[in-house]
């Protein structure tokens, strides 16, 4: 059975991206490396600050960068 890959938009908090990947790997019981969920991770640390834009009302809109990553 072919599994469709899961896409993760990450890197905005690199450690959080790594933690999420580790949790996904640990959550799936496997007997072989081929049994793991295929993952595509875009770890882009250059996404404009979501906090500055959404909470502080200043800074570049991260939406276009996130959309391009998706």
PDB file of N, CA and C in Angstrom:
ATOM      1  N   UNK A   1       0.834  -1.170   0.000  1.00  0.00           N
ATOM      2  CA  UNK A   1       0.000   0.000   0.000  1.00  0.00           C
ATOM      3  C   UNK A   1       0.886   1.243   0.000  1.00  0.00           C
ATOM      4  N   UNK A   2       0.680   2.134  -0.919  1.00  0.00           N
ATOM      5  CA  UNK A   2       1.449   3.361  -1.006  1.00  0.00           C
ATOM      6  C   UNK A   2       0.858   4.400  -0.073  1.00  0.00           C
ATOM      7  N   UNK A   3       1.708   4.987   0.732  1.00  0.00           N
ATOM      8  CA  UNK A   3       1.265   6.044   1.634  1.00  0.00           C
ATOM      9  C   UNK A   3       1.595   7.384   1.001  1.00  0.00           C
ATOM     10  N   UNK A   4       0.691   8.313   1.143  1.00  0.00           N
ATOM     11  CA  UNK A   4       0.953   9.667   0.681  1.00  0.00           C
ATOM     12  C   UNK A   4       1.786  10.380   1.740  1.00  0.00           C
ATOM     13  N   UNK A   5       2.764  11.169   1.312  1.00  0.00           N
ATOM     14  CA  UNK A   5       3.588  11.858   2.300  1.00  0.00           C
ATOM     15  C   UNK A   5       2.812  12.933   3.053  1.00  0.00           C
ATOM     16  N   UNK A   6       3.231  13.157   4.273  1.00  0.00           N
ATOM     17  CA  UNK A   6       2.702  14.235   5.091  1.00  0.00           C
ATOM     18  C   UNK A   6       3.669  15.399   4.958  1.00  0.00           C
ATOM     19  N   UNK A   7       3.156  16.578   4.690  1.00  0.00           N
ATOM     20  CA  UNK A   7       4.004  17.759   4.584  1.00  0.00           C
ATOM     21  C   UNK A   7       3.988  18.555   5.874  1.00  0.00           C
ATOM     22  N   UNK A   8       5.166  18.984   6.302  1.00  0.00           N
ATOM     23  CA  UNK A   8       5.295  19.780   7.518  1.00  0.00           C
ATOM     24  C   UNK A   8       5.966  21.096   7.147  1.00  0.00           C
ATOM     25  N   UNK A   9       5.285  22.191   7.440  1.00  0.00           N
ATOM     26  CA  UNK A   9       5.886  23.507   7.269  1.00  0.00           C
ATOM     27  C   UNK A   9       6.545  23.828   8.599  1.00  0.00           C
ATOM     28  N   UNK A  10       7.860  23.817   8.600  1.00  0.00           N
ATOM     29  CA  UNK A  10       8.572  23.977   9.855  1.00  0.00           C
ATOM     30  C   UNK A  10       9.728  24.939   9.747  1.00  0.00           C
ATOM     31  N   UNK A  11      10.574  24.885  10.733  1.00  0.00           N
ATOM     32  CA  UNK A  11      11.743  25.736  10.773  1.00  0.00           C
ATOM     33  C   UNK A  11      11.505  27.050  11.473  1.00  0.00           C
ATOM     34  N   UNK A  12      10.234  27.388  11.684  1.00  0.00           N
ATOM     35  CA  UNK A  12       9.917  28.643  12.358  1.00  0.00           C
ATOM     36  C   UNK A  12      10.324  28.538  13.821  1.00  0.00           C
ATOM     37  N   UNK A  13      10.404  27.342  14.284  1.00  0.00           N
ATOM     38  CA  UNK A  13      10.968  26.967  15.573  1.00  0.00           C
ATOM     39  C   UNK A  13      11.632  25.632  15.302  1.00  0.00           C
ATOM     40  N   UNK A  14      12.892  25.641  14.846  1.00  0.00           N
ATOM     41  CA  UNK A  14      13.535  24.405  14.401  1.00  0.00           C
ATOM     42  C   UNK A  14      13.440  23.252  15.390  1.00  0.00           C
ATOM     43  N   UNK A  15      13.584  23.539  16.677  1.00  0.00           N
ATOM     44  CA  UNK A  15      13.495  22.459  17.657  1.00  0.00           C
ATOM     45  C   UNK A  15      12.089  21.873  17.710  1.00  0.00           C
ATOM     46  N   UNK A  16      11.067  22.708  17.528  1.00  0.00           N
ATOM     47  CA  UNK A  16       9.687  22.211  17.517  1.00  0.00           C
ATOM     48  C   UNK A  16       9.460  21.313  16.308  1.00  0.00           C
ATOM     49  N   UNK A  17      10.062  21.668  15.179  1.00  0.00           N
ATOM     50  CA  UNK A  17       9.933  20.838  13.979  1.00  0.00           C
ATOM     51  C   UNK A  17      10.547  19.467  14.217  1.00  0.00           C
ATOM     52  N   UNK A  18      11.723  19.448  14.818  1.00  0.00           N
ATOM     53  CA  UNK A  18      12.411  18.189  15.102  1.00  0.00           C
ATOM     54  C   UNK A  18      11.615  17.362  16.111  1.00  0.00           C
ATOM     55  N   UNK A  19      11.069  18.018  17.129  1.00  0.00           N
ATOM     56  CA  UNK A  19      10.262  17.320  18.133  1.00  0.00           C
ATOM     57  C   UNK A  19       9.028  16.692  17.489  1.00  0.00           C
ATOM     58  N   UNK A  20       8.362  17.439  16.603  1.00  0.00           N
ATOM     59  CA  UNK A  20       7.188  16.895  15.915  1.00  0.00           C
ATOM     60  C   UNK A  20       7.569  15.678  15.082  1.00  0.00           C
ATOM     61  N   UNK A  21       8.677  15.761  14.356  1.00  0.00           N
ATOM     62  CA  UNK A  21       9.113  14.623  13.551  1.00  0.00           C
ATOM     63  C   UNK A  21       9.403  13.417  14.446  1.00  0.00           C
ATOM     64  N   UNK A  22      10.079  13.643  15.546  1.00  0.00           N
ATOM     65  CA  UNK A  22      10.391  12.538  16.461  1.00  0.00           C
ATOM     66  C   UNK A  22       9.104  11.903  16.988  1.00  0.00           C
ATOM     67  N   UNK A  23       8.115  12.735  17.358  1.00  0.00           N
ATOM     68  CA  UNK A  23       6.851  12.197  17.874  1.00  0.00           C
ATOM     69  C   UNK A  23       6.124  11.377  16.808  1.00  0.00           C
ATOM     70  N   UNK A  24       6.151  11.833  15.562  1.00  0.00           N
ATOM     71  CA  UNK A  24       5.511  11.077  14.487  1.00  0.00           C
ATOM     72  C   UNK A  24       6.201   9.738  14.280  1.00  0.00           C
ATOM     73  N   UNK A  25       7.524   9.737  14.296  1.00  0.00           N
ATOM     74  CA  UNK A  25       8.277   8.498  14.105  1.00  0.00           C
ATOM     75  C   UNK A  25       7.991   7.522  15.240  1.00  0.00           C
ATOM     76  N   UNK A  26       7.951   8.023  16.451  1.00  0.00           N
ATOM     77  CA  UNK A  26       7.722   7.154  17.612  1.00  0.00           C
ATOM     78  C   UNK A  26       6.287   6.657  17.709  1.00  0.00           C
ATOM     79  N   UNK A  27       5.324   7.375  17.131  1.00  0.00           N
ATOM     80  CA  UNK A  27       3.907   7.025  17.268  1.00  0.00           C
ATOM     81  C   UNK A  27       3.473   5.889  16.343  1.00  0.00           C
ATOM     82  N   UNK A  28       4.257   5.626  15.317  1.00  0.00           N
ATOM     83  CA  UNK A  28       3.854   4.628  14.322  1.00  0.00           C
ATOM     84  C   UNK A  28       4.642   3.342  14.545  1.00  0.00           C
ATOM     85  N   UNK A  29       3.929   2.252  14.864  1.00  0.00           N
ATOM     86  CA  UNK A  29       4.640   0.985  15.038  1.00  0.00           C
ATOM     87  C   UNK A  29       5.123   0.478  13.678  1.00  0.00           C
ATOM     88  N   UNK A  30       6.411   0.138  13.600  1.00  0.00           N
ATOM     89  CA  UNK A  30       6.989  -0.334  12.347  1.00  0.00           C
ATOM     90  C   UNK A  30       7.834  -1.573  12.607  1.00  0.00           C
ATOM     91  N   UNK A  31       7.976  -2.396  11.583  1.00  0.00           N
ATOM     92  CA  UNK A  31       8.879  -3.536  11.673  1.00  0.00           C
ATOM     93  C   UNK A  31      10.059  -3.373  10.716  1.00  0.00           C
ATOM     94  N   UNK A  32       9.990  -2.341   9.878  1.00  0.00           N
ATOM     95  CA  UNK A  32      11.043  -2.094   8.898  1.00  0.00           C
ATOM     96  C   UNK A  32      11.069  -0.595   8.600  1.00  0.00           C
ATOM     97  N   UNK A  33      12.201  -0.068   8.171  1.00  0.00           N
ATOM     98  CA  UNK A  33      12.284   1.361   7.844  1.00  0.00           C
ATOM     99  C   UNK A  33      11.256   1.775   6.803  1.00  0.00           C
ATOM    100  N   UNK A  34      10.892   0.884   5.922  1.00  0.00           N
ATOM    101  CA  UNK A  34       9.922   1.191   4.863  1.00  0.00           C
ATOM    102  C   UNK A  34       8.519   1.419   5.396  1.00  0.00           C
ATOM    103  N   UNK A  35       8.279   1.038   6.639  1.00  0.00           N
ATOM    104  CA  UNK A  35       6.945   1.177   7.235  1.00  0.00           C
ATOM    105  C   UNK A  35       6.673   2.575   7.790  1.00  0.00           C
ATOM    106  N   UNK A  36       7.712   3.395   7.889  1.00  0.00           N
ATOM    107  CA  UNK A  36       7.530   4.744   8.433  1.00  0.00           C
ATOM    108  C   UNK A  36       6.680   5.594   7.499  1.00  0.00           C
ATOM    109  N   UNK A  37       6.044   6.610   8.061  1.00  0.00           N
ATOM    110  CA  UNK A  37       5.243   7.560   7.285  1.00  0.00           C
ATOM    111  C   UNK A  37       6.191   8.425   6.459  1.00  0.00           C
ATOM    112  N   UNK A  38       5.939   8.557   5.159  1.00  0.00           N
ATOM    113  CA  UNK A  38       6.771   9.469   4.367  1.00  0.00           C
ATOM    114  C   UNK A  38       6.503  10.915   4.788  1.00  0.00           C
ATOM    115  N   UNK A  39       7.572  11.647   5.054  1.00  0.00           N
ATOM    116  CA  UNK A  39       7.457  13.035   5.489  1.00  0.00           C
ATOM    117  C   UNK A  39       8.224  13.959   4.546  1.00  0.00           C
ATOM    118  N   UNK A  40       7.633  15.092   4.262  1.00  0.00           N
ATOM    119  CA  UNK A  40       8.309  16.170   3.548  1.00  0.00           C
ATOM    120  C   UNK A  40       8.338  17.348   4.507  1.00  0.00           C
ATOM    121  N   UNK A  41       9.539  17.791   4.882  1.00  0.00           N
ATOM    122  CA  UNK A  41       9.666  18.869   5.856  1.00  0.00           C
ATOM    123  C   UNK A  41      10.406  20.030   5.203  1.00  0.00           C
ATOM    124  N   UNK A  42       9.760  21.185   5.203  1.00  0.00           N
ATOM    125  CA  UNK A  42      10.400  22.400   4.722  1.00  0.00           C
ATOM    126  C   UNK A  42      10.787  23.201   5.961  1.00  0.00           C
ATOM    127  N   UNK A  43      12.046  23.117   6.359  1.00  0.00           N
ATOM    128  CA  UNK A  43      12.513  23.791   7.562  1.00  0.00           C
ATOM    129  C   UNK A  43      13.107  25.143   7.154  1.00  0.00           C
ATOM    130  N   UNK A  44      12.230  26.115   6.996  1.00  0.00           N
ATOM    131  CA  UNK A  44      12.615  27.442   6.523  1.00  0.00           C
ATOM    132  C   UNK A  44      12.669  28.399   7.706  1.00  0.00           C
ATOM    133  N   UNK A  45      13.864  28.728   8.125  1.00  0.00           N
ATOM    134  CA  UNK A  45      14.024  29.613   9.273  1.00  0.00           C
ATOM    135  C   UNK A  45      13.913  31.090   8.886  1.00  0.00           C
ATOM    136  N   UNK A  46      13.626  31.361   7.621  1.00  0.00           N
ATOM    137  CA  UNK A  46      13.540  32.743   7.148  1.00  0.00           C
ATOM    138  C   UNK A  46      12.098  33.253   7.042  1.00  0.00           C
ATOM    139  N   UNK A  47      11.136  32.501   7.578  1.00  0.00           N
ATOM    140  CA  UNK A  47       9.749  32.962   7.581  1.00  0.00           C
ATOM    141  C   UNK A  47       9.662  34.199   8.475  1.00  0.00           C
ATOM    142  N   UNK A  48       9.060  35.280   7.988  1.00  0.00           N
ATOM    143  CA  UNK A  48       8.916  36.478   8.832  1.00  0.00           C
ATOM    144  C   UNK A  48       8.176  36.148  10.136  1.00  0.00           C
ATOM    145  N   UNK A  49       8.502  36.886  11.160  1.00  0.00           N
ATOM    146  CA  UNK A  49       7.956  36.631  12.491  1.00  0.00           C
ATOM    147  C   UNK A  49       6.430  36.680  12.504  1.00  0.00           C
ATOM    148  N   UNK A  50       5.825  35.590  12.917  1.00  0.00           N
ATOM    149  CA  UNK A  50       4.369  35.536  13.068  1.00  0.00           C
ATOM    150  C   UNK A  50       3.952  36.386  14.257  1.00  0.00           C
ATOM    151  N   UNK A  51       4.752  36.389  15.319  1.00  0.00           N
ATOM    152  CA  UNK A  51       4.416  37.173  16.509  1.00  0.00           C
ATOM    153  C   UNK A  51       4.422  38.657  16.182  1.00  0.00           C
ATOM    154  N   UNK A  52       5.475  39.108  15.490  1.00  0.00           N
ATOM    155  CA  UNK A  52       5.565  40.538  15.158  1.00  0.00           C
ATOM    156  C   UNK A  52       4.389  40.971  14.298  1.00  0.00           C
ATOM    157  N   UNK A  53       3.980  40.124  13.378  1.00  0.00           N
ATOM    158  CA  UNK A  53       2.895  40.509  12.465  1.00  0.00           C
ATOM    159  C   UNK A  53       1.514  40.368  13.099  1.00  0.00           C
ATOM    160  N   UNK A  54       1.243  39.229  13.705  1.00  0.00           N
ATOM    161  CA  UNK A  54      -0.103  38.934  14.199  1.00  0.00           C
ATOM    162  C   UNK A  54      -0.411  39.538  15.567  1.00  0.00           C
ATOM    163  N   UNK A  55       0.572  39.560  16.443  1.00  0.00           N
ATOM    164  CA  UNK A  55       0.315  40.029  17.804  1.00  0.00           C
ATOM    165  C   UNK A  55       0.715  41.494  17.976  1.00  0.00           C
ATOM    166  N   UNK A  56       1.913  41.827  17.486  1.00  0.00           N
ATOM    167  CA  UNK A  56       2.406  43.191  17.647  1.00  0.00           C
ATOM    168  C   UNK A  56       1.879  44.141  16.575  1.00  0.00           C
ATOM    169  N   UNK A  57       1.310  43.598  15.491  1.00  0.00           N
ATOM    170  CA  UNK A  57       0.775  44.427  14.420  1.00  0.00           C
ATOM    171  C   UNK A  57       1.840  45.133  13.603  1.00  0.00           C
ATOM    172  N   UNK A  58       3.042  44.629  13.642  1.00  0.00           N
ATOM    173  CA  UNK A  58       4.145  45.212  12.880  1.00  0.00           C
ATOM    174  C   UNK A  58       4.897  44.083  12.188  1.00  0.00           C
ATOM    175  N   UNK A  59       5.716  44.422  11.252  1.00  0.00           N
ATOM    176  CA  UNK A  59       6.529  43.403  10.598  1.00  0.00           C
ATOM    177  C   UNK A  59       5.864  42.863   9.353  1.00  0.00           C
ATOM    178  N   UNK A  60       6.660  42.159   8.612  1.00  0.00           N
ATOM    179  CA  UNK A  60       6.244  41.593   7.331  1.00  0.00           C
ATOM    180  C   UNK A  60       5.218  40.477   7.527  1.00  0.00           C
ATOM    181  N   UNK A  61       4.259  40.398   6.628  1.00  0.00           N
ATOM    182  CA  UNK A  61       3.244  39.348   6.644  1.00  0.00           C
ATOM    183  C   UNK A  61       3.907  38.009   6.290  1.00  0.00           C
ATOM    184  N   UNK A  62       3.844  37.014   7.170  1.00  0.00           N
ATOM    185  CA  UNK A  62       4.455  35.722   6.872  1.00  0.00           C
ATOM    186  C   UNK A  62       3.618  34.876   5.900  1.00  0.00           C
ATOM    187  N   UNK A  63       2.376  35.297   5.652  1.00  0.00           N
ATOM    188  CA  UNK A  63       1.472  34.502   4.814  1.00  0.00           C
ATOM    189  C   UNK A  63       2.025  34.120   3.457  1.00  0.00           C
ATOM    190  N   UNK A  64       2.562  35.062   2.681  1.00  0.00           N
ATOM    191  CA  UNK A  64       3.086  34.694   1.363  1.00  0.00           C
ATOM    192  C   UNK A  64       4.229  33.672   1.422  1.00  0.00           C
ATOM    193  N   UNK A  65       5.100  33.805   2.413  1.00  0.00           N
ATOM    194  CA  UNK A  65       6.202  32.844   2.537  1.00  0.00           C
ATOM    195  C   UNK A  65       5.662  31.468   2.898  1.00  0.00           C
ATOM    196  N   UNK A  66       4.709  31.423   3.833  1.00  0.00           N
ATOM    197  CA  UNK A  66       4.116  30.136   4.229  1.00  0.00           C
ATOM    198  C   UNK A  66       3.374  29.499   3.058  1.00  0.00           C
ATOM    199  N   UNK A  67       2.655  30.308   2.278  1.00  0.00           N
ATOM    200  CA  UNK A  67       1.928  29.790   1.109  1.00  0.00           C
ATOM    201  C   UNK A  67       2.905  29.231   0.088  1.00  0.00           C
ATOM    202  N   UNK A  68       4.014  29.910  -0.136  1.00  0.00           N
ATOM    203  CA  UNK A  68       5.008  29.422  -1.090  1.00  0.00           C
ATOM    204  C   UNK A  68       5.616  28.105  -0.617  1.00  0.00           C
ATOM    205  N   UNK A  69       5.806  27.977   0.677  1.00  0.00           N
ATOM    206  CA  UNK A  69       6.338  26.717   1.227  1.00  0.00           C
ATOM    207  C   UNK A  69       5.354  25.576   1.022  1.00  0.00           C
ATOM    208  N   UNK A  70       4.077  25.875   1.202  1.00  0.00           N
ATOM    209  CA  UNK A  70       3.040  24.844   1.059  1.00  0.00           C
ATOM    210  C   UNK A  70       2.949  24.392  -0.383  1.00  0.00           C
TER     211      UNK A  70
END
